[in-house]
Amino acid sequence: ESFFALTPAKINQLFFWQLITYSFLHANFMHILFNMLALWMFGSDIEERLSTKVFLKLYFFSVFMGGIFTYLADMAGFSQGTVLGASGGIFGLLVAYAMIWPNREILFMMIFPLKTKYFVMILMLMLVFSQGGGNIAHLAHFGGAVGGFMYLYYSSRLYRPSAPDAWT
């Protein structure tokens, strides 16, 4: 077992740092390549729009929520095993990106133009209806998405209460 990967049983032994450090470890080169590609593609625009400080808070809150969802599922009896990868944070950024630029088009599968709001909805439906397995931490992804939504929604209300569409 890794000292830094998220092992839910270790959280009970006060290894709280694992709720963040799991996101810095990856299973293989392709795993980190696709996470970092998504981080660059979506994160750079978000950082430019919101500031580095807000971007980092958004990203790490999403990572943290991915870890919390994984931990809670494991404690509820749904074994999660050891989790690693930045995908929880990436899913938080994807949701934030769709909230900020819902009608911006991306090339889905490098072919089909698709608005980001629909792209993220498709990803969320895939998470909800996935069967699990395949060494994919679905709850970390879902928790990260929830974290991205919560952070952007509530921070926009706290810092810009007079502008309900502050991020659009």
Protein backbone atom coordinates (compact mmCIF):
# COMPACT_ATOMS: atom_id res chain seq x y z
CA GLU A 1 0.00 0.00 0.00
CA SER A 2 1.15 3.46 -0.78
CA PHE A 3 1.61 6.09 1.86
CA PHE A 4 0.08 8.74 -0.43
CA ALA A 5 -2.58 6.90 -2.47
CA LEU A 6 -6.10 7.07 -1.02
CA THR A 7 -6.84 3.94 0.98
CA PRO A 8 -10.14 4.63 2.77
CA ALA A 9 -9.31 2.42 5.77
CA LYS A 10 -6.16 4.51 6.35
CA ILE A 11 -8.27 7.67 6.76
CA ASN A 12 -9.62 6.07 9.95
CA GLN A 13 -5.98 5.80 11.07
CA LEU A 14 -5.63 9.60 10.60
CA PHE A 15 -3.89 9.52 7.20
CA PHE A 16 -5.94 12.59 6.25
CA TRP A 17 -3.39 13.84 3.70
CA GLN A 18 -4.44 10.99 1.43
CA LEU A 19 -7.65 12.94 0.67
CA ILE A 20 -5.41 15.22 -1.44
CA THR A 21 -2.17 13.35 -2.17
CA TYR A 22 -3.90 10.57 -4.13
CA SER A 23 -4.35 13.06 -6.95
CA PHE A 24 -0.59 13.34 -7.52
CA LEU A 25 -0.15 9.61 -8.23
CA HIS A 26 -1.14 7.81 -11.43
CA ALA A 27 -1.33 4.18 -12.50
CA ASN A 28 0.65 4.57 -15.74
CA PHE A 29 1.82 7.00 -18.38
CA MET A 30 -1.50 7.11 -20.28
CA HIS A 31 -3.37 7.83 -17.06
CA ILE A 32 -1.29 10.90 -16.27
CA LEU A 33 -1.15 11.95 -19.94
CA PHE A 34 -4.93 12.19 -20.32
CA ASN A 35 -5.39 13.85 -16.93
CA MET A 36 -2.75 16.47 -17.69
CA LEU A 37 -4.15 17.05 -21.18
CA ALA A 38 -7.59 17.75 -19.67
CA LEU A 39 -6.00 19.93 -16.99
CA TRP A 40 -4.29 22.01 -19.67
CA MET A 41 -7.29 22.13 -22.04
CA PHE A 42 -9.87 23.20 -19.48
CA GLY A 43 -7.85 24.41 -16.52
CA SER A 44 -5.86 27.07 -18.36
CA ASP A 45 -9.04 28.94 -19.42
CA ILE A 46 -10.52 28.65 -15.93
CA GLU A 47 -7.34 29.92 -14.31
CA GLU A 48 -7.17 32.85 -16.71
CA ARG A 49 -10.81 33.74 -16.01
CA LEU A 50 -10.87 33.29 -12.24
CA SER A 51 -7.24 33.85 -11.10
CA THR A 52 -4.61 31.36 -10.02
CA LYS A 53 -5.71 31.52 -6.39
CA VAL A 54 -9.36 30.76 -7.11
CA PHE A 55 -8.40 28.08 -9.66
CA LEU A 56 -6.26 26.27 -7.09
CA LYS A 57 -9.02 26.43 -4.49
CA LEU A 58 -11.51 25.05 -7.02
CA TYR A 59 -9.17 22.27 -8.14
CA PHE A 60 -8.13 21.11 -4.67
CA PHE A 61 -11.67 21.33 -3.30
CA SER A 62 -12.74 19.05 -6.19
CA VAL A 63 -9.89 16.65 -5.40
CA PHE A 64 -10.87 16.69 -1.71
CA MET A 65 -14.53 16.01 -2.50
CA GLY A 66 -13.49 13.12 -4.76
CA GLY A 67 -11.60 11.69 -1.80
CA ILE A 68 -14.50 12.28 0.60
CA PHE A 69 -17.02 10.55 -1.71
CA THR A 70 -14.64 7.60 -2.06
CA TYR A 71 -14.14 7.40 1.70
CA LEU A 72 -17.86 7.65 2.51
CA ALA A 73 -18.76 4.97 -0.05
CA ASP A 74 -16.14 2.66 1.41
CA MET A 75 -17.41 3.29 4.95
CA ALA A 76 -20.95 2.52 3.72
CA GLY A 77 -19.77 -0.92 2.62
CA PHE A 78 -19.02 -0.27 -1.06
CA SER A 79 -15.37 -1.29 -1.23
CA GLN A 80 -13.29 1.24 -3.15
CA GLY A 81 -9.82 -0.24 -2.90
CA THR A 82 -6.85 2.08 -3.28
CA VAL A 83 -7.53 5.19 -5.38
CA LEU A 84 -5.07 7.37 -7.26
CA GLY A 85 -5.17 9.93 -10.06
CA ALA A 86 -6.16 13.53 -10.67
CA SER A 87 -9.51 12.64 -12.24
CA GLY A 88 -11.60 13.90 -9.30
CA GLY A 89 -10.05 17.34 -9.72
CA ILE A 90 -10.38 17.14 -13.49
CA PHE A 91 -14.10 16.35 -13.26
CA GLY A 92 -14.51 19.34 -10.94
CA LEU A 93 -12.83 21.52 -13.56
CA LEU A 94 -15.02 20.10 -16.34
CA VAL A 95 -18.17 20.99 -14.40
CA ALA A 96 -16.81 24.46 -13.61
CA TYR A 97 -15.90 24.98 -17.26
CA ALA A 98 -19.43 24.08 -18.34
CA MET A 99 -20.86 26.45 -15.72
CA ILE A 100 -18.68 29.33 -16.89
CA TRP A 101 -18.95 28.69 -20.64
CA PRO A 102 -22.03 26.48 -21.14
CA ASN A 103 -22.42 27.27 -24.83
CA ARG A 104 -18.77 27.10 -25.85
CA GLU A 105 -18.27 24.34 -28.37
CA ILE A 106 -15.64 21.65 -28.13
CA LEU A 107 -14.90 18.89 -30.61
CA PHE A 108 -16.27 15.72 -29.06
CA MET A 109 -14.13 12.76 -30.14
CA MET A 110 -12.17 15.30 -32.22
CA ILE A 111 -15.03 15.28 -34.78
CA PHE A 112 -18.41 16.44 -33.50
CA PRO A 113 -18.96 20.00 -32.26
CA LEU A 114 -20.75 19.83 -28.92
CA LYS A 115 -21.59 22.51 -26.38
CA THR A 116 -19.73 22.04 -23.10
CA LYS A 117 -22.94 21.82 -21.07
CA TYR A 118 -24.01 18.79 -23.12
CA PHE A 119 -20.54 17.25 -23.00
CA VAL A 120 -20.50 17.42 -19.20
CA MET A 121 -24.08 16.14 -18.98
CA ILE A 122 -23.08 13.11 -21.08
CA LEU A 123 -20.07 12.48 -18.82
CA MET A 124 -22.25 12.72 -15.70
CA LEU A 125 -24.82 10.32 -17.16
CA MET A 126 -22.01 7.90 -18.00
CA LEU A 127 -20.87 8.08 -14.36
CA VAL A 128 -24.35 7.56 -12.97
CA PHE A 129 -25.11 4.58 -15.19
CA SER A 130 -21.66 2.98 -15.15
CA GLN A 131 -21.48 -0.52 -13.75
CA GLY A 132 -18.26 0.10 -11.86
CA GLY A 133 -15.22 -2.09 -12.08
CA GLY A 134 -12.34 -1.71 -14.50
CA ASN A 135 -10.18 -0.03 -11.85
CA ILE A 136 -12.02 3.26 -12.38
CA ALA A 137 -12.79 5.34 -9.30
CA HIS A 138 -16.29 6.41 -10.33
CA LEU A 139 -17.09 7.91 -6.95
CA ALA A 140 -13.92 10.00 -6.98
CA HIS A 141 -14.99 11.34 -10.39
CA PHE A 142 -18.51 12.02 -9.18
CA GLY A 143 -17.31 13.59 -5.93
CA GLY A 144 -14.93 15.83 -7.87
CA ALA A 145 -17.76 16.92 -10.16
CA VAL A 146 -19.95 17.73 -7.17
CA GLY A 147 -17.05 19.61 -5.59
CA GLY A 148 -16.49 21.69 -8.73
CA PHE A 149 -20.17 22.56 -8.89
CA MET A 150 -20.39 23.40 -5.18
CA TYR A 151 -17.27 25.53 -5.18
CA LEU A 152 -18.21 27.59 -8.21
CA TYR A 153 -21.88 27.91 -7.28
CA TYR A 154 -21.32 28.97 -3.69
CA SER A 155 -18.26 31.13 -4.32
CA SER A 156 -20.14 33.02 -7.04
CA ARG A 157 -22.96 33.67 -4.55
CA LEU A 158 -20.58 34.73 -1.77
CA TYR A 159 -18.36 37.02 -3.79
CA ARG A 160 -20.86 38.36 -6.32
CA PRO A 161 -24.30 38.18 -4.71
CA SER A 162 -25.73 40.93 -6.92
CA ALA A 163 -24.82 39.09 -10.14
CA PRO A 164 -26.53 35.69 -10.37
CA ASP A 165 -24.85 35.05 -13.72
CA ALA A 166 -21.42 36.15 -12.48
CA TRP A 167 -19.54 33.28 -14.12
CA THR A 168 -21.22 33.38 -17.54
